[in-house]
Amino acid sequence: MTLRGIPAEAFEYRLGNRSALDWVIDQYRVTTDPRSKIVNDPNDSDDPQYIVRLIKKVVTVSVETVMIVKSL
């Protein structure tokens, strides 16, 4: 999946040492344990648009938070 048009400000809102958007993308990545070969797929197969809506929400909150902090 490729998402375009994400404003740079979305990456300015940080949770520790990385952006909230980076954290969400990392958490929803499909991974395979190298030793057991168990696949961890956190994506909800009943709702394929869930991750897109989640990213939209995180981008909105991140951009609005950055705007509020800059206005202080």
Protein backbone atom coordinates (compact mmCIF):
# COMPACT_ATOMS: atom_id res chain seq x y z
CA MET A 1 0.00 0.00 0.00
CA THR A 2 1.24 3.48 -0.82
CA LEU A 3 -0.18 6.59 0.80
CA ARG A 4 0.61 10.01 -0.65
CA GLY A 5 0.02 13.57 0.42
CA ILE A 6 0.96 13.14 4.07
CA PRO A 7 2.11 16.58 5.29
CA ALA A 8 5.63 16.90 6.68
CA GLU A 9 4.15 18.26 9.93
CA ALA A 10 2.75 14.79 10.63
CA PHE A 11 6.30 13.62 11.25
CA GLU A 12 7.13 16.55 13.56
CA TYR A 13 4.86 15.33 16.37
CA ARG A 14 7.13 13.00 18.32
CA LEU A 15 6.52 10.22 20.81
CA GLY A 16 9.93 9.85 22.36
CA ASN A 17 12.48 9.64 19.56
CA ARG A 18 10.12 8.94 16.62
CA SER A 19 6.96 10.32 15.15
CA ALA A 20 3.54 8.96 16.07
CA LEU A 21 3.04 8.02 12.43
CA ASP A 22 6.30 6.04 12.35
CA TRP A 23 5.21 4.22 15.51
CA VAL A 24 1.82 3.21 14.05
CA ILE A 25 3.38 2.04 10.80
CA ASP A 26 5.94 -0.01 12.73
CA GLN A 27 3.27 -1.60 14.95
CA TYR A 28 1.07 -2.62 12.01
CA ARG A 29 3.86 -4.21 9.99
CA VAL A 30 3.51 -7.92 9.29
CA THR A 31 6.48 -9.72 10.86
CA THR A 32 7.76 -13.28 11.02
CA ASP A 33 9.71 -14.56 14.00
CA PRO A 34 13.02 -15.86 12.61
CA ARG A 35 13.25 -18.78 15.03
CA SER A 36 9.69 -20.08 15.18
CA LYS A 37 8.54 -18.81 11.76
CA ILE A 38 5.30 -17.62 13.42
CA VAL A 39 3.73 -14.79 11.43
CA ASN A 40 2.35 -11.82 13.35
CA ASP A 41 -0.24 -9.98 11.25
CA PRO A 42 -1.97 -7.30 13.36
CA ASN A 43 -4.15 -6.14 10.48
CA ASP A 44 -7.87 -6.77 10.82
CA SER A 45 -8.97 -8.91 7.88
CA ASP A 46 -12.63 -8.07 8.55
CA ASP A 47 -11.97 -4.39 7.85
CA PRO A 48 -9.30 -3.82 5.18
CA GLN A 49 -9.68 -0.01 5.43
CA TYR A 50 -8.93 0.06 9.17
CA ILE A 51 -5.24 0.91 8.81
CA VAL A 52 -5.99 3.70 6.33
CA ARG A 53 -8.51 5.29 8.72
CA LEU A 54 -6.07 4.87 11.63
CA ILE A 55 -3.27 6.59 9.72
CA LYS A 56 -5.65 9.40 8.73
CA LYS A 57 -6.54 9.95 12.40
CA VAL A 58 -2.90 9.91 13.51
CA VAL A 59 -1.93 12.37 10.75
CA THR A 60 -4.81 14.71 11.72
CA VAL A 61 -3.94 14.67 15.43
CA SER A 62 -0.22 15.06 14.72
CA VAL A 63 -0.66 18.04 12.38
CA GLU A 64 -3.14 19.78 14.69
CA THR A 65 -0.90 19.24 17.71
CA VAL A 66 2.11 20.68 15.89
CA MET A 67 0.02 23.73 14.87
CA ILE A 68 -1.13 24.28 18.48
CA VAL A 69 2.40 23.96 19.88
CA LYS A 70 3.79 26.39 17.28
CA SER A 71 1.10 28.93 18.17
CA LEU A 72 2.03 28.93 21.87
